[in-house]
Every structure is written in C-alpha cells, then in structure tokens.
C-alpha cells in the first residue's frame, strides 16, 4: 500500500503578504531582515506560510490598556512650592537672540 505524497505548504512571497496585510512590500522585507517576523528563506527570497502570516498579525496586535478607576493625582498643588518631587523651582531667563546681541556689539564698536 502506497501513501499519497505529502502536500507542500503554500508559500507566499513578500508582495503577497504585503497585499494581505495592506502594507508595503518594503516593510515586510525589512521586518524579516531584522528578524522581527517569522519567515522561511528559500533561495534568495523570503517566503511566508499561512502560519507565519497569522503569527505576524499576533506579534503586532495591540491590546487596550487597563484604565485606572480613579483619576490621577495632580502633579503639583498650590500649597507646596517646588517641582513634582518637592525640589525647588528654578526660574529660567531667556537669552537675548544672537541677532540682537551682535547688533548691539556692532553699534557699540
């Protein structure tokens, strides 16, 4: 009794994956080159199976972050001078623009 030959997996090119994911072919190749997404290297090109494409979607999936139940505490209160951590506030003074400084030097000379 002979067994039927196993069917090889369907391999997609980077352009096909880009169309499926609605992104650029360059992005798919760059992610594969940097090792951020799974792929098979056959010959000189990147090849992707259906499982690879599903894993790429899972890798770049973004889940919502839990929202805190209470509002965040204010960063600074009026009764406490200083920065967030209680350090003293440093008041900054803007420098005179270079154009005005050089004009003042030219007039003085």
PDB file of N, CA and C in Angstrom:
ATOM      1  N   UNK A   1       0.833  -1.162   0.000  1.00  0.00           N
ATOM      2  CA  UNK A   1       0.000   0.000   0.000  1.00  0.00           C
ATOM      3  C   UNK A   1       0.892   1.243   0.000  1.00  0.00           C
ATOM      4  N   UNK A   2       0.651   2.142  -0.906  1.00  0.00           N
ATOM      5  CA  UNK A   2       1.468   3.342  -1.012  1.00  0.00           C
ATOM      6  C   UNK A   2       0.724   4.534  -0.419  1.00  0.00           C
ATOM      7  N   UNK A   3       1.503   5.365   0.242  1.00  0.00           N
ATOM      8  CA  UNK A   3       0.920   6.573   0.830  1.00  0.00           C
ATOM      9  C   UNK A   3       0.916   7.691  -0.207  1.00  0.00           C
ATOM     10  N   UNK A   4      -0.080   8.572  -0.116  1.00  0.00           N
ATOM     11  CA  UNK A   4      -0.053   9.708  -1.039  1.00  0.00           C
ATOM     12  C   UNK A   4       1.071  10.664  -0.634  1.00  0.00           C
ATOM     13  N   UNK A   5       1.625  11.332  -1.601  1.00  0.00           N
ATOM     14  CA  UNK A   5       2.723  12.266  -1.338  1.00  0.00           C
ATOM     15  C   UNK A   5       2.204  13.427  -0.492  1.00  0.00           C
ATOM     16  N   UNK A   6       2.970  13.849   0.517  1.00  0.00           N
ATOM     17  CA  UNK A   6       2.522  14.968   1.339  1.00  0.00           C
ATOM     18  C   UNK A   6       2.474  16.250   0.508  1.00  0.00           C
ATOM     19  N   UNK A   7       1.463  17.045   0.771  1.00  0.00           N
ATOM     20  CA  UNK A   7       1.344  18.299   0.023  1.00  0.00           C
ATOM     21  C   UNK A   7       2.244  19.349   0.670  1.00  0.00           C
ATOM     22  N   UNK A   8       3.022  20.022  -0.127  1.00  0.00           N
ATOM     23  CA  UNK A   8       3.906  21.044   0.445  1.00  0.00           C
ATOM     24  C   UNK A   8       3.079  22.239   0.927  1.00  0.00           C
ATOM     25  N   UNK A   9       3.579  22.956   1.919  1.00  0.00           N
ATOM     26  CA  UNK A   9       2.828  24.111   2.406  1.00  0.00           C
ATOM     27  C   UNK A   9       2.787  25.206   1.341  1.00  0.00           C
ATOM     28  N   UNK A  10       1.726  25.983   1.377  1.00  0.00           N
ATOM     29  CA  UNK A  10       1.599  27.099   0.446  1.00  0.00           C
ATOM     30  C   UNK A  10       2.541  28.199   0.922  1.00  0.00           C
ATOM     31  N   UNK A  11       3.416  28.641   0.029  1.00  0.00           N
ATOM     32  CA  UNK A  11       4.366  29.691   0.369  1.00  0.00           C
ATOM     33  C   UNK A  11       3.977  30.981  -0.349  1.00  0.00           C
ATOM     34  N   UNK A  12       3.972  32.068   0.415  1.00  0.00           N
ATOM     35  CA  UNK A  12       3.628  33.377  -0.139  1.00  0.00           C
ATOM     36  C   UNK A  12       4.892  34.208  -0.241  1.00  0.00           C
ATOM     37  N   UNK A  13       4.953  35.043  -1.254  1.00  0.00           N
ATOM     38  CA  UNK A  13       6.064  35.974  -1.396  1.00  0.00           C
ATOM     39  C   UNK A  13       5.782  37.207  -0.544  1.00  0.00           C
ATOM     40  N   UNK A  14       6.795  38.049  -0.382  1.00  0.00           N
ATOM     41  CA  UNK A  14       6.645  39.267   0.418  1.00  0.00           C
ATOM     42  C   UNK A  14       5.563  40.181  -0.163  1.00  0.00           C
ATOM     43  N   UNK A  15       5.470  40.253  -1.476  1.00  0.00           N
ATOM     44  CA  UNK A  15       4.447  41.091  -2.109  1.00  0.00           C
ATOM     45  C   UNK A  15       3.052  40.578  -1.777  1.00  0.00           C
ATOM     46  N   UNK A  16       2.872  39.250  -1.749  1.00  0.00           N
ATOM     47  CA  UNK A  16       1.563  38.677  -1.410  1.00  0.00           C
ATOM     48  C   UNK A  16       1.192  38.980   0.036  1.00  0.00           C
ATOM     49  N   UNK A  17       2.169  38.850   0.935  1.00  0.00           N
ATOM     50  CA  UNK A  17       1.927  39.134   2.349  1.00  0.00           C
ATOM     51  C   UNK A  17       1.602  40.614   2.537  1.00  0.00           C
ATOM     52  N   UNK A  18       2.312  41.461   1.808  1.00  0.00           N
ATOM     53  CA  UNK A  18       2.045  42.905   1.900  1.00  0.00           C
ATOM     54  C   UNK A  18       0.622  43.213   1.463  1.00  0.00           C
ATOM     55  N   UNK A  19       0.161  42.574   0.412  1.00  0.00           N
ATOM     56  CA  UNK A  19      -1.236  42.782  -0.025  1.00  0.00           C
ATOM     57  C   UNK A  19      -2.214  42.292   1.031  1.00  0.00           C
ATOM     58  N   UNK A  20      -1.921  41.135   1.634  1.00  0.00           N
ATOM     59  CA  UNK A  20      -2.817  40.595   2.669  1.00  0.00           C
ATOM     60  C   UNK A  20      -2.887  41.508   3.877  1.00  0.00           C
ATOM     61  N   UNK A  21      -1.744  42.055   4.287  1.00  0.00           N
ATOM     62  CA  UNK A  21      -1.680  42.887   5.486  1.00  0.00           C
ATOM     63  C   UNK A  21      -1.914  44.369   5.198  1.00  0.00           C
ATOM     64  N   UNK A  22      -2.061  44.686   3.910  1.00  0.00           N
ATOM     65  CA  UNK A  22      -2.267  46.079   3.478  1.00  0.00           C
ATOM     66  C   UNK A  22      -1.137  46.986   3.960  1.00  0.00           C
ATOM     67  N   UNK A  23       0.061  46.573   3.669  1.00  0.00           N
ATOM     68  CA  UNK A  23       1.244  47.373   3.986  1.00  0.00           C
ATOM     69  C   UNK A  23       2.181  47.278   2.786  1.00  0.00           C
ATOM     70  N   UNK A  24       3.335  47.879   2.891  1.00  0.00           N
ATOM     71  CA  UNK A  24       4.256  47.862   1.753  1.00  0.00           C
ATOM     72  C   UNK A  24       5.112  46.595   1.756  1.00  0.00           C
ATOM     73  N   UNK A  25       5.525  46.238   0.576  1.00  0.00           N
ATOM     74  CA  UNK A  25       6.413  45.082   0.435  1.00  0.00           C
ATOM     75  C   UNK A  25       7.737  45.366   1.134  1.00  0.00           C
ATOM     76  N   UNK A  26       8.199  46.617   1.052  1.00  0.00           N
ATOM     77  CA  UNK A  26       9.443  47.004   1.723  1.00  0.00           C
ATOM     78  C   UNK A  26       9.349  46.727   3.219  1.00  0.00           C
ATOM     79  N   UNK A  27       8.197  47.066   3.848  1.00  0.00           N
ATOM     80  CA  UNK A  27       8.029  46.869   5.291  1.00  0.00           C
ATOM     81  C   UNK A  27       8.153  45.389   5.636  1.00  0.00           C
ATOM     82  N   UNK A  28       7.499  44.538   4.858  1.00  0.00           N
ATOM     83  CA  UNK A  28       7.551  43.088   5.122  1.00  0.00           C
ATOM     84  C   UNK A  28       8.993  42.591   5.019  1.00  0.00           C
ATOM     85  N   UNK A  29       9.697  42.996   3.977  1.00  0.00           N
ATOM     86  CA  UNK A  29      11.088  42.544   3.805  1.00  0.00           C
ATOM     87  C   UNK A  29      11.982  43.092   4.912  1.00  0.00           C
ATOM     88  N   UNK A  30      11.775  44.340   5.294  1.00  0.00           N
ATOM     89  CA  UNK A  30      12.600  44.948   6.339  1.00  0.00           C
ATOM     90  C   UNK A  30      12.387  44.255   7.682  1.00  0.00           C
ATOM     91  N   UNK A  31      11.133  43.931   8.014  1.00  0.00           N
ATOM     92  CA  UNK A  31      10.851  43.246   9.273  1.00  0.00           C
ATOM     93  C   UNK A  31      11.467  41.850   9.271  1.00  0.00           C
ATOM     94  N   UNK A  32      11.415  41.179   8.128  1.00  0.00           N
ATOM     95  CA  UNK A  32      12.032  39.847   8.027  1.00  0.00           C
ATOM     96  C   UNK A  32      13.550  39.962   8.139  1.00  0.00           C
ATOM     97  N   UNK A  33      14.129  40.955   7.473  1.00  0.00           N
ATOM     98  CA  UNK A  33      15.586  41.134   7.508  1.00  0.00           C
ATOM     99  C   UNK A  33      16.077  41.390   8.919  1.00  0.00           C
ATOM    100  N   UNK A  34      15.289  42.144   9.694  1.00  0.00           N
ATOM    101  CA  UNK A  34      15.674  42.457  11.080  1.00  0.00           C
ATOM    102  C   UNK A  34      15.297  41.346  12.060  1.00  0.00           C
ATOM    103  N   UNK A  35      14.636  40.312  11.577  1.00  0.00           N
ATOM    104  CA  UNK A  35      14.287  39.177  12.432  1.00  0.00           C
ATOM    105  C   UNK A  35      13.099  39.454  13.341  1.00  0.00           C
ATOM    106  N   UNK A  36      12.246  40.378  12.977  1.00  0.00           N
ATOM    107  CA  UNK A  36      11.085  40.715  13.808  1.00  0.00           C
ATOM    108  C   UNK A  36       9.855  39.888  13.475  1.00  0.00           C
ATOM    109  N   UNK A  37       9.842  39.267  12.312  1.00  0.00           N
ATOM    110  CA  UNK A  37       8.704  38.440  11.924  1.00  0.00           C
ATOM    111  C   UNK A  37       9.227  37.084  11.445  1.00  0.00           C
ATOM    112  N   UNK A  38       8.415  36.040  11.562  1.00  0.00           N
ATOM    113  CA  UNK A  38       8.849  34.713  11.106  1.00  0.00           C
ATOM    114  C   UNK A  38       8.788  34.616   9.579  1.00  0.00           C
ATOM    115  N   UNK A  39       9.704  33.867   9.011  1.00  0.00           N
ATOM    116  CA  UNK A  39       9.745  33.647   7.568  1.00  0.00           C
ATOM    117  C   UNK A  39      10.573  32.416   7.277  1.00  0.00           C
ATOM    118  N   UNK A  40      10.511  31.991   6.027  1.00  0.00           N
ATOM    119  CA  UNK A  40      11.385  30.924   5.537  1.00  0.00           C
ATOM    120  C   UNK A  40      12.241  31.533   4.444  1.00  0.00           C
ATOM    121  N   UNK A  41      13.522  31.234   4.477  1.00  0.00           N
ATOM    122  CA  UNK A  41      14.440  31.762   3.468  1.00  0.00           C
ATOM    123  C   UNK A  41      14.693  30.644   2.471  1.00  0.00           C
ATOM    124  N   UNK A  42      14.081  30.757   1.316  1.00  0.00           N
ATOM    125  CA  UNK A  42      14.245  29.743   0.279  1.00  0.00           C
ATOM    126  C   UNK A  42      14.838  30.430  -0.935  1.00  0.00           C
ATOM    127  N   UNK A  43      15.987  29.977  -1.348  1.00  0.00           N
ATOM    128  CA  UNK A  43      16.677  30.651  -2.445  1.00  0.00           C
ATOM    129  C   UNK A  43      17.147  32.012  -1.957  1.00  0.00           C
ATOM    130  N   UNK A  44      16.875  33.024  -2.736  1.00  0.00           N
ATOM    131  CA  UNK A  44      17.308  34.368  -2.372  1.00  0.00           C
ATOM    132  C   UNK A  44      16.146  35.204  -1.855  1.00  0.00           C
ATOM    133  N   UNK A  45      14.991  34.596  -1.631  1.00  0.00           N
ATOM    134  CA  UNK A  45      13.835  35.395  -1.238  1.00  0.00           C
ATOM    135  C   UNK A  45      13.203  34.931   0.052  1.00  0.00           C
ATOM    136  N   UNK A  46      12.397  35.808   0.611  1.00  0.00           N
ATOM    137  CA  UNK A  46      11.642  35.498   1.821  1.00  0.00           C
ATOM    138  C   UNK A  46      10.346  34.816   1.397  1.00  0.00           C
ATOM    139  N   UNK A  47      10.000  33.747   2.094  1.00  0.00           N
ATOM    140  CA  UNK A  47       8.742  33.051   1.832  1.00  0.00           C
ATOM    141  C   UNK A  47       7.996  32.919   3.153  1.00  0.00           C
ATOM    142  N   UNK A  48       6.683  33.008   3.091  1.00  0.00           N
ATOM    143  CA  UNK A  48       5.848  33.007   4.283  1.00  0.00           C
ATOM    144  C   UNK A  48       4.727  31.993   4.125  1.00  0.00           C
ATOM    145  N   UNK A  49       4.510  31.201   5.177  1.00  0.00           N
ATOM    146  CA  UNK A  49       3.384  30.272   5.182  1.00  0.00           C
ATOM    147  C   UNK A  49       2.171  30.978   5.785  1.00  0.00           C
ATOM    148  N   UNK A  50       1.026  30.322   5.737  1.00  0.00           N
ATOM    149  CA  UNK A  50      -0.176  30.896   6.350  1.00  0.00           C
ATOM    150  C   UNK A  50       0.005  31.055   7.856  1.00  0.00           C
ATOM    151  N   UNK A  51       0.737  30.122   8.469  1.00  0.00           N
ATOM    152  CA  UNK A  51       1.003  30.225   9.902  1.00  0.00           C
ATOM    153  C   UNK A  51       1.893  31.429  10.203  1.00  0.00           C
ATOM    154  N   UNK A  52       2.858  31.707   9.328  1.00  0.00           N
ATOM    155  CA  UNK A  52       3.708  32.877   9.509  1.00  0.00           C
ATOM    156  C   UNK A  52       2.872  34.155   9.482  1.00  0.00           C
ATOM    157  N   UNK A  53       1.970  34.248   8.512  1.00  0.00           N
ATOM    158  CA  UNK A  53       1.134  35.446   8.382  1.00  0.00           C
ATOM    159  C   UNK A  53       0.265  35.621   9.632  1.00  0.00           C
ATOM    160  N   UNK A  54      -0.320  34.529  10.125  1.00  0.00           N
ATOM    161  CA  UNK A  54      -1.141  34.610  11.336  1.00  0.00           C
ATOM    162  C   UNK A  54      -0.295  35.052  12.531  1.00  0.00           C
ATOM    163  N   UNK A  55       0.942  34.570  12.616  1.00  0.00           N
ATOM    164  CA  UNK A  55       1.813  34.962  13.723  1.00  0.00           C
ATOM    165  C   UNK A  55       2.241  36.422  13.611  1.00  0.00           C
ATOM    166  N   UNK A  56       2.451  36.904  12.389  1.00  0.00           N
ATOM    167  CA  UNK A  56       2.791  38.318  12.188  1.00  0.00           C
ATOM    168  C   UNK A  56       1.664  39.198  12.718  1.00  0.00           C
ATOM    169  N   UNK A  57       0.442  38.817  12.433  1.00  0.00           N
ATOM    170  CA  UNK A  57      -0.704  39.588  12.930  1.00  0.00           C
ATOM    171  C   UNK A  57      -0.720  39.567  14.451  1.00  0.00           C
ATOM    172  N   UNK A  58      -0.454  38.411  15.046  1.00  0.00           N
ATOM    173  CA  UNK A  58      -0.436  38.320  16.518  1.00  0.00           C
ATOM    174  C   UNK A  58       0.697  39.145  17.123  1.00  0.00           C
ATOM    175  N   UNK A  59       1.859  39.164  16.481  1.00  0.00           N
ATOM    176  CA  UNK A  59       3.002  39.915  17.012  1.00  0.00           C
ATOM    177  C   UNK A  59       2.690  41.398  17.087  1.00  0.00           C
ATOM    178  N   UNK A  60       2.038  41.931  16.068  1.00  0.00           N
ATOM    179  CA  UNK A  60       1.785  43.362  16.017  1.00  0.00           C
ATOM    180  C   UNK A  60       0.401  43.746  16.541  1.00  0.00           C
ATOM    181  N   UNK A  61      -0.255  42.821  17.217  1.00  0.00           N
ATOM    182  CA  UNK A  61      -1.556  43.107  17.811  1.00  0.00           C
ATOM    183  C   UNK A  61      -1.373  44.018  19.025  1.00  0.00           C
ATOM    184  N   UNK A  62      -2.242  44.999  19.154  1.00  0.00           N
ATOM    185  CA  UNK A  62      -2.191  45.932  20.276  1.00  0.00           C
ATOM    186  C   UNK A  62      -3.456  45.742  21.092  1.00  0.00           C
ATOM    187  N   UNK A  63      -3.282  45.524  22.375  1.00  0.00           N
ATOM    188  CA  UNK A  63      -4.411  45.340  23.280  1.00  0.00           C
ATOM    189  C   UNK A  63      -4.658  46.612  24.061  1.00  0.00           C
ATOM    190  N   UNK A  64      -5.921  46.889  24.435  1.00  0.00           N
ATOM    191  CA  UNK A  64      -6.178  48.091  25.227  1.00  0.00           C
ATOM    192  C   UNK A  64      -5.549  47.989  26.610  1.00  0.00           C
ATOM    193  N   UNK A  65      -5.165  49.129  27.132  1.00  0.00           N
ATOM    194  CA  UNK A  65      -4.540  49.200  28.445  1.00  0.00           C
ATOM    195  C   UNK A  65      -5.641  49.395  29.475  1.00  0.00           C
ATOM    196  N   UNK A  66      -5.489  48.782  30.658  1.00  0.00           N
ATOM    197  CA  UNK A  66      -6.477  48.950  31.711  1.00  0.00           C
ATOM    198  C   UNK A  66      -6.540  50.415  32.123  1.00  0.00           C
ATOM    199  N   UNK A  67      -7.751  50.937  32.210  1.00  0.00           N
ATOM    200  CA  UNK A  67      -7.943  52.329  32.599  1.00  0.00           C
ATOM    201  C   UNK A  67      -8.042  52.384  34.120  1.00  0.00           C
ATOM    202  N   UNK A  68      -7.294  53.285  34.781  1.00  0.00           N
ATOM    203  CA  UNK A  68      -7.385  53.354  36.243  1.00  0.00           C
ATOM    204  C   UNK A  68      -8.781  53.791  36.668  1.00  0.00           C
ATOM    205  N   UNK A  69      -9.230  53.269  37.814  1.00  0.00           N
ATOM    206  CA  UNK A  69     -10.573  53.568  38.306  1.00  0.00           C
ATOM    207  C   UNK A  69     -10.684  55.001  38.800  1.00  0.00           C
ATOM    208  N   UNK A  70      -9.639  55.532  39.399  1.00  0.00           N
ATOM    209  CA  UNK A  70      -9.695  56.895  39.917  1.00  0.00           C
ATOM    210  C   UNK A  70      -8.825  57.799  39.053  1.00  0.00           C
ATOM    211  N   UNK A  71      -9.148  59.090  39.011  1.00  0.00           N
ATOM    212  CA  UNK A  71      -8.315  59.997  38.216  1.00  0.00           C
ATOM    213  C   UNK A  71      -6.931  60.123  38.835  1.00  0.00           C
ATOM    214  N   UNK A  72      -5.929  60.395  38.033  1.00  0.00           N
ATOM    215  CA  UNK A  72      -4.567  60.510  38.569  1.00  0.00           C
ATOM    216  C   UNK A  72      -4.450  61.708  39.504  1.00  0.00           C
ATOM    217  N   UNK A  73      -3.559  61.595  40.477  1.00  0.00           N
ATOM    218  CA  UNK A  73      -3.341  62.681  41.437  1.00  0.00           C
ATOM    219  C   UNK A  73      -2.734  63.870  40.713  1.00  0.00           C
ATOM    220  N   UNK A  74      -3.047  65.068  41.165  1.00  0.00           N
ATOM    221  CA  UNK A  74      -2.459  66.237  40.497  1.00  0.00           C
ATOM    222  C   UNK A  74      -0.946  66.235  40.670  1.00  0.00           C
ATOM    223  N   UNK A  75      -0.270  66.744  39.690  1.00  0.00           N
ATOM    224  CA  UNK A  75       1.191  66.731  39.715  1.00  0.00           C
ATOM    225  C   UNK A  75       1.755  67.722  40.713  1.00  0.00           C
ATOM    226  N   UNK A  76       1.064  68.824  40.901  1.00  0.00           N
ATOM    227  CA  UNK A  76       1.596  69.853  41.779  1.00  0.00           C
ATOM    228  C   UNK A  76       0.436  70.583  42.441  1.00  0.00           C
ATOM    229  N   UNK A  77       0.556  70.848  43.714  1.00  0.00           N
ATOM    230  CA  UNK A  77      -0.506  71.565  44.408  1.00  0.00           C
ATOM    231  C   UNK A  77      -0.027  72.977  44.738  1.00  0.00           C
ATOM    232  N   UNK A  78      -0.957  73.960  44.814  1.00  0.00           N
ATOM    233  CA  UNK A  78      -0.536  75.336  45.066  1.00  0.00           C
ATOM    234  C   UNK A  78       0.103  75.540  46.434  1.00  0.00           C
ATOM    235  N   UNK A  79      -0.249  74.727  47.449  1.00  0.00           N
ATOM    236  CA  UNK A  79       0.302  74.937  48.789  1.00  0.00           C
ATOM    237  C   UNK A  79       1.722  74.385  48.938  1.00  0.00           C
ATOM    238  N   UNK A  80       2.201  73.648  47.966  1.00  0.00           N
ATOM    239  CA  UNK A  80       3.534  73.065  48.050  1.00  0.00           C
ATOM    240  C   UNK A  80       4.413  73.655  46.953  1.00  0.00           C
ATOM    241  N   UNK A  81       5.310  74.560  47.292  1.00  0.00           N
ATOM    242  CA  UNK A  81       6.175  75.108  46.250  1.00  0.00           C
ATOM    243  C   UNK A  81       7.179  74.063  45.805  1.00  0.00           C
ATOM    244  N   UNK A  82       7.600  74.181  44.600  1.00  0.00           N
ATOM    245  CA  UNK A  82       8.618  73.273  44.107  1.00  0.00           C
ATOM    246  C   UNK A  82       8.100  72.394  42.998  1.00  0.00           C
ATOM    247  N   UNK A  83       8.960  71.514  42.562  1.00  0.00           N
ATOM    248  CA  UNK A  83       8.625  70.611  41.480  1.00  0.00           C
ATOM    249  C   UNK A  83       7.772  69.449  41.955  1.00  0.00           C
ATOM    250  N   UNK A  84       7.582  68.504  41.091  1.00  0.00           N
ATOM    251  CA  UNK A  84       6.759  67.338  41.388  1.00  0.00           C
ATOM    252  C   UNK A  84       7.305  66.566  42.580  1.00  0.00           C
ATOM    253  N   UNK A  85       8.617  66.445  42.662  1.00  0.00           N
ATOM    254  CA  UNK A  85       9.232  65.679  43.741  1.00  0.00           C
ATOM    255  C   UNK A  85       9.617  66.556  44.931  1.00  0.00           C
ATOM    256  N   UNK A  86       9.156  67.812  44.968  1.00  0.00           N
ATOM    257  CA  UNK A  86       9.451  68.687  46.093  1.00  0.00           C
ATOM    258  C   UNK A  86      10.733  69.484  45.921  1.00  0.00           C
ATOM    259  N   UNK A  87      11.418  69.312  44.795  1.00  0.00           N
ATOM    260  CA  UNK A  87      12.653  70.054  44.570  1.00  0.00           C
ATOM    261  C   UNK A  87      12.319  71.520  44.288  1.00  0.00           C
ATOM    262  N   UNK A  88      13.244  72.428  44.561  1.00  0.00           N
ATOM    263  CA  UNK A  88      12.957  73.840  44.334  1.00  0.00           C
ATOM    264  C   UNK A  88      12.777  74.140  42.847  1.00  0.00           C
ATOM    265  N   UNK A  89      11.933  75.125  42.568  1.00  0.00           N
ATOM    266  CA  UNK A  89      11.678  75.515  41.189  1.00  0.00           C
ATOM    267  C   UNK A  89      12.789  76.458  40.737  1.00  0.00           C
ATOM    268  N   UNK A  90      13.343  76.185  39.588  1.00  0.00           N
ATOM    269  CA  UNK A  90      14.375  77.043  39.014  1.00  0.00           C
ATOM    270  C   UNK A  90      13.715  77.893  37.944  1.00  0.00           C
ATOM    271  N   UNK A  91      13.756  79.199  38.106  1.00  0.00           N
ATOM    272  CA  UNK A  91      13.175  80.103  37.125  1.00  0.00           C
ATOM    273  C   UNK A  91      14.210  80.388  36.053  1.00  0.00           C
ATOM    274  N   UNK A  92      13.829  80.166  34.825  1.00  0.00           N
ATOM    275  CA  UNK A  92      14.742  80.342  33.711  1.00  0.00           C
ATOM    276  C   UNK A  92      14.539  81.701  33.068  1.00  0.00           C
ATOM    277  N   UNK A  93      15.589  82.254  32.538  1.00  0.00           N
ATOM    278  CA  UNK A  93      15.516  83.529  31.858  1.00  0.00           C
ATOM    279  C   UNK A  93      16.023  83.318  30.436  1.00  0.00           C
ATOM    280  N   UNK A  94      15.257  83.790  29.475  1.00  0.00           N
ATOM    281  CA  UNK A  94      15.617  83.604  28.077  1.00  0.00           C
ATOM    282  C   UNK A  94      16.825  84.454  27.708  1.00  0.00           C
ATOM    283  N   UNK A  95      17.664  83.918  26.855  1.00  0.00           N
ATOM    284  CA  UNK A  95      18.816  84.669  26.369  1.00  0.00           C
ATOM    285  C   UNK A  95      18.365  85.645  25.299  1.00  0.00           C
ATOM    286  N   UNK A  96      19.112  86.682  25.145  1.00  0.00           N
ATOM    287  CA  UNK A  96      18.855  87.615  24.059  1.00  0.00           C
ATOM    288  C   UNK A  96      19.233  86.915  22.756  1.00  0.00           C
ATOM    289  N   UNK A  97      18.401  87.015  21.718  1.00  0.00           N
ATOM    290  CA  UNK A  97      18.738  86.346  20.462  1.00  0.00           C
ATOM    291  C   UNK A  97      20.084  86.810  19.920  1.00  0.00           C
ATOM    292  N   UNK A  98      20.771  85.918  19.233  1.00  0.00           N
ATOM    293  CA  UNK A  98      22.104  86.201  18.717  1.00  0.00           C
ATOM    294  C   UNK A  98      22.101  87.422  17.804  1.00  0.00           C
ATOM    295  N   UNK A  99      21.068  87.550  16.996  1.00  0.00           N
ATOM    296  CA  UNK A  99      20.991  88.681  16.081  1.00  0.00           C
ATOM    297  C   UNK A  99      20.991  89.994  16.852  1.00  0.00           C
ATOM    298  N   UNK A 100      20.246  90.068  17.945  1.00  0.00           N
ATOM    299  CA  UNK A 100      20.196  91.278  18.757  1.00  0.00           C
ATOM    300  C   UNK A 100      21.529  91.503  19.479  1.00  0.00           C
ATOM    301  N   UNK A 101      22.177  90.425  19.919  1.00  0.00           N
ATOM    302  CA  UNK A 101      23.464  90.569  20.609  1.00  0.00           C
ATOM    303  C   UNK A 101      24.526  91.100  19.653  1.00  0.00           C
ATOM    304  N   UNK A 102      24.586  90.557  18.461  1.00  0.00           N
ATOM    305  CA  UNK A 102      25.601  91.013  17.508  1.00  0.00           C
ATOM    306  C   UNK A 102      25.318  92.420  17.030  1.00  0.00           C
ATOM    307  N   UNK A 103      24.040  92.779  16.916  1.00  0.00           N
ATOM    308  CA  UNK A 103      23.686  94.150  16.512  1.00  0.00           C
ATOM    309  C   UNK A 103      24.125  95.129  17.608  1.00  0.00           C
ATOM    310  N   UNK A 104      23.940  94.755  18.865  1.00  0.00           N
ATOM    311  CA  UNK A 104      24.346  95.616  19.958  1.00  0.00           C
ATOM    312  C   UNK A 104      25.864  95.765  19.997  1.00  0.00           C
ATOM    313  N   UNK A 105      26.609  94.706  19.706  1.00  0.00           N
ATOM    314  CA  UNK A 105      28.061  94.774  19.657  1.00  0.00           C
ATOM    315  C   UNK A 105      28.538  95.650  18.498  1.00  0.00           C
ATOM    316  N   UNK A 106      27.850  95.539  17.343  1.00  0.00           N
ATOM    317  CA  UNK A 106      28.221  96.344  16.188  1.00  0.00           C
ATOM    318  C   UNK A 106      27.989  97.821  16.442  1.00  0.00           C
ATOM    319  N   UNK A 107      26.893  98.153  17.154  1.00  0.00           N
ATOM    320  CA  UNK A 107      26.601  99.547  17.451  1.00  0.00           C
ATOM    321  C   UNK A 107      27.600 100.111  18.462  1.00  0.00           C
ATOM    322  N   UNK A 108      28.048  99.298  19.397  1.00  0.00           N
ATOM    323  CA  UNK A 108      28.983  99.752  20.416  1.00  0.00           C
ATOM    324  C   UNK A 108      30.369 100.003  19.804  1.00  0.00           C
ATOM    325  N   UNK A 109      30.704  99.303  18.754  1.00  0.00           N
ATOM    326  CA  UNK A 109      32.041  99.438  18.169  1.00  0.00           C
ATOM    327  C   UNK A 109      32.173 100.594  17.232  1.00  0.00           C
TER     328      UNK A 109
END
